[in-house]
Amino acid sequence: MSSISRHNGAISNSFPTTEDFRKIFSWREVGEVHKIRSGIYQRGGKLISLLTDFGRINPCYPDFHGDTENTIFYTGAGRRGDQQLNSFNQAMFNAVESKHAVPLFNKLAVGRWKFLGFWRVTEGVYIYDEEQKRMIWKFKLVKSAKLKSNG
């Protein structure tokens, strides 16, 4: 992974790191890691990174924290109708099996993103969302103690 250094615009292989935890980044900086506008970024079935806004901007993705700040329930891909087991949602299940950690970025406003650390997908269920009146994939994310992602 590479990113634009916040100091001199140079490319760095060390983003994101624990030093970046809770810093605010531009979309240009986040885009160095998360190369698409969708919330789930995957390549060849491997989960690379995740975006969230905890349903504040996109209510069709009502992500939320569990009992602690170290657990997030993350909504799968698909804005309308019942969500399908598409390549994005399949990559989430693949990450359950591989157990690798990925960076998570929280959208605060247009062009403002907070890095929330590295997270592992530990399980996924297909549930009926009463508020949205549709079936969705809900994935459990657990904060990783790991400093950088695998691969």
Protein backbone atom coordinates (compact mmCIF):
# COMPACT_ATOMS: atom_id res chain seq x y z
CA MET A 1 0.00 0.00 0.00
CA SER A 2 1.12 3.51 -0.62
CA SER A 3 -0.11 6.94 0.27
CA ILE A 4 0.63 10.56 -0.17
CA SER A 5 2.67 11.74 2.77
CA ARG A 6 0.93 14.50 4.69
CA HIS A 7 4.21 16.39 4.96
CA ASN A 8 5.77 16.55 1.52
CA GLY A 9 3.48 14.88 -1.03
CA ALA A 10 5.92 11.98 -1.48
CA ILE A 11 4.72 8.41 -1.87
CA SER A 12 5.13 6.32 1.27
CA ASN A 13 4.64 2.59 1.83
CA SER A 14 3.73 3.11 5.47
CA PHE A 15 0.13 4.35 5.26
CA PRO A 16 -1.99 3.64 7.10
CA THR A 17 -0.22 2.97 10.39
CA THR A 18 -1.06 3.36 14.06
CA GLU A 19 0.36 6.89 13.86
CA ASP A 20 -2.47 7.65 11.41
CA PHE A 21 -5.15 6.36 13.82
CA ARG A 22 -7.98 8.88 14.15
CA LYS A 23 -6.28 11.44 11.87
CA ILE A 24 -8.43 13.20 9.29
CA PHE A 25 -7.57 12.53 5.64
CA SER A 26 -8.75 13.81 2.26
CA TRP A 27 -10.38 11.50 -0.27
CA ARG A 28 -7.19 11.75 -2.35
CA GLU A 29 -5.22 10.25 0.54
CA VAL A 30 -7.80 7.57 1.33
CA GLY A 31 -8.00 6.77 -2.39
CA GLU A 32 -4.36 5.69 -2.34
CA VAL A 33 -5.53 2.68 -0.30
CA HIS A 34 -9.25 2.41 -1.14
CA LYS A 35 -9.29 2.83 -4.92
CA ILE A 36 -13.08 2.81 -5.50
CA ARG A 37 -16.06 4.81 -4.23
CA SER A 38 -17.92 1.73 -2.92
CA GLY A 39 -17.66 0.82 0.76
CA ILE A 40 -16.08 -2.58 0.19
CA TYR A 41 -12.87 -2.62 -1.84
CA GLN A 42 -11.73 -6.04 -3.01
CA ARG A 43 -9.52 -7.47 -5.74
CA GLY A 44 -9.80 -11.02 -6.94
CA GLY A 45 -11.95 -11.97 -3.96
CA LYS A 46 -9.50 -10.55 -1.39
CA LEU A 47 -10.78 -7.78 0.87
CA ILE A 48 -8.46 -4.75 0.72
CA SER A 49 -10.17 -1.99 2.74
CA LEU A 50 -13.54 -0.70 4.00
CA LEU A 51 -15.41 2.60 4.21
CA THR A 52 -18.25 3.51 6.57
CA ASP A 53 -20.26 6.52 7.66
CA PHE A 54 -22.26 4.60 10.28
CA GLY A 55 -25.45 5.35 8.31
CA ARG A 56 -25.26 9.11 8.85
CA ILE A 57 -24.77 9.99 5.17
CA ASN A 58 -25.97 6.78 3.48
CA PRO A 59 -28.84 5.42 5.63
CA CYS A 60 -29.00 2.25 3.50
CA TYR A 61 -25.74 1.20 5.22
CA PRO A 62 -26.59 1.40 8.94
CA ASP A 63 -23.29 0.23 10.42
CA PHE A 64 -23.04 0.42 14.20
CA HIS A 65 -20.75 -0.39 17.12
CA GLY A 66 -21.40 -3.47 19.23
CA ASP A 67 -21.02 -3.66 23.00
CA THR A 68 -17.63 -1.94 22.76
CA GLU A 69 -15.79 0.36 20.35
CA ASN A 70 -13.78 -2.72 19.29
CA THR A 71 -16.75 -4.30 17.50
CA ILE A 72 -18.64 -2.97 14.47
CA PHE A 73 -21.59 -4.53 12.68
CA TYR A 74 -20.99 -3.66 9.03
CA THR A 75 -23.69 -3.73 6.35
CA GLY A 76 -22.86 -5.59 3.14
CA ALA A 77 -22.96 -4.19 -0.41
CA GLY A 78 -26.20 -3.40 -2.23
CA ARG A 79 -28.29 -0.23 -1.93
CA ARG A 80 -31.70 -1.43 -3.11
CA GLY A 81 -33.71 -4.59 -2.69
CA ASP A 82 -32.40 -7.70 -1.00
CA GLN A 83 -28.62 -7.79 -0.97
CA GLN A 84 -27.03 -10.58 -2.98
CA LEU A 85 -23.88 -12.62 -2.46
CA ASN A 86 -22.00 -10.52 -5.01
CA SER A 87 -18.21 -10.20 -5.34
CA PHE A 88 -18.06 -7.53 -2.60
CA ASN A 89 -20.02 -9.54 -0.04
CA GLN A 90 -18.17 -12.72 -1.02
CA ALA A 91 -14.85 -10.94 -0.34
CA MET A 92 -16.14 -10.20 3.18
CA PHE A 93 -16.76 -13.94 3.72
CA ASN A 94 -13.35 -14.74 2.24
CA ALA A 95 -11.84 -12.39 4.83
CA VAL A 96 -13.53 -14.39 7.60
CA GLU A 97 -11.63 -17.44 6.35
CA SER A 98 -8.28 -15.69 5.73
CA LYS A 99 -8.44 -13.79 9.05
CA HIS A 100 -6.46 -10.85 7.61
CA ALA A 101 -6.97 -7.30 8.92
CA VAL A 102 -7.96 -4.40 6.66
CA PRO A 103 -8.02 -0.62 7.17
CA LEU A 104 -11.37 1.05 7.89
CA PHE A 105 -12.09 4.70 7.07
CA ASN A 106 -15.07 6.66 8.45
CA LYS A 107 -16.56 9.41 6.26
CA LEU A 108 -17.21 12.48 8.40
CA ALA A 109 -18.18 14.88 5.59
CA VAL A 110 -17.32 15.48 1.94
CA GLY A 111 -13.56 15.06 1.61
CA ARG A 112 -13.03 14.33 5.34
CA TRP A 113 -12.18 10.76 6.38
CA LYS A 114 -11.02 9.41 9.74
CA PHE A 115 -8.82 6.29 9.84
CA LEU A 116 -10.28 3.91 12.45
CA GLY A 117 -7.51 1.31 12.44
CA PHE A 118 -7.33 -2.26 11.16
CA TRP A 119 -10.28 -4.64 11.49
CA ARG A 120 -10.94 -8.34 10.94
CA VAL A 121 -14.20 -9.74 9.59
CA THR A 122 -15.17 -12.52 12.00
CA GLU A 123 -18.63 -13.55 10.78
CA GLY A 124 -21.47 -12.71 8.44
CA VAL A 125 -25.22 -13.33 8.58
CA TYR A 126 -28.11 -12.69 6.21
CA ILE A 127 -30.86 -10.90 8.15
CA TYR A 128 -34.09 -9.02 7.56
CA ASP A 129 -33.71 -5.30 8.30
CA GLU A 130 -37.07 -4.06 9.61
CA GLU A 131 -36.34 -0.39 8.94
CA GLN A 132 -35.24 -0.95 5.33
CA LYS A 133 -37.72 -3.79 4.71
CA ARG A 134 -35.13 -5.95 2.96
CA MET A 135 -32.60 -8.71 3.48
CA ILE A 136 -29.06 -7.53 4.14
CA TRP A 137 -25.68 -9.06 4.87
CA LYS A 138 -24.42 -7.97 8.29
CA PHE A 139 -20.75 -8.63 9.02
CA LYS A 140 -19.09 -8.49 12.41
CA LEU A 141 -15.79 -6.57 12.45
CA VAL A 142 -13.39 -6.83 15.37
CA LYS A 143 -10.60 -4.34 15.89
CA SER A 144 -7.20 -5.85 15.29
CA ALA A 145 -4.17 -5.25 17.49
CA LYS A 146 -2.16 -5.62 14.28
CA LEU A 147 -0.43 -2.47 13.08
CA LYS A 148 -0.55 -3.18 9.33
CA SER A 149 -2.66 -5.39 7.09
CA ASN A 150 -1.44 -8.65 5.54
CA GLY A 151 -0.47 -8.12 1.95
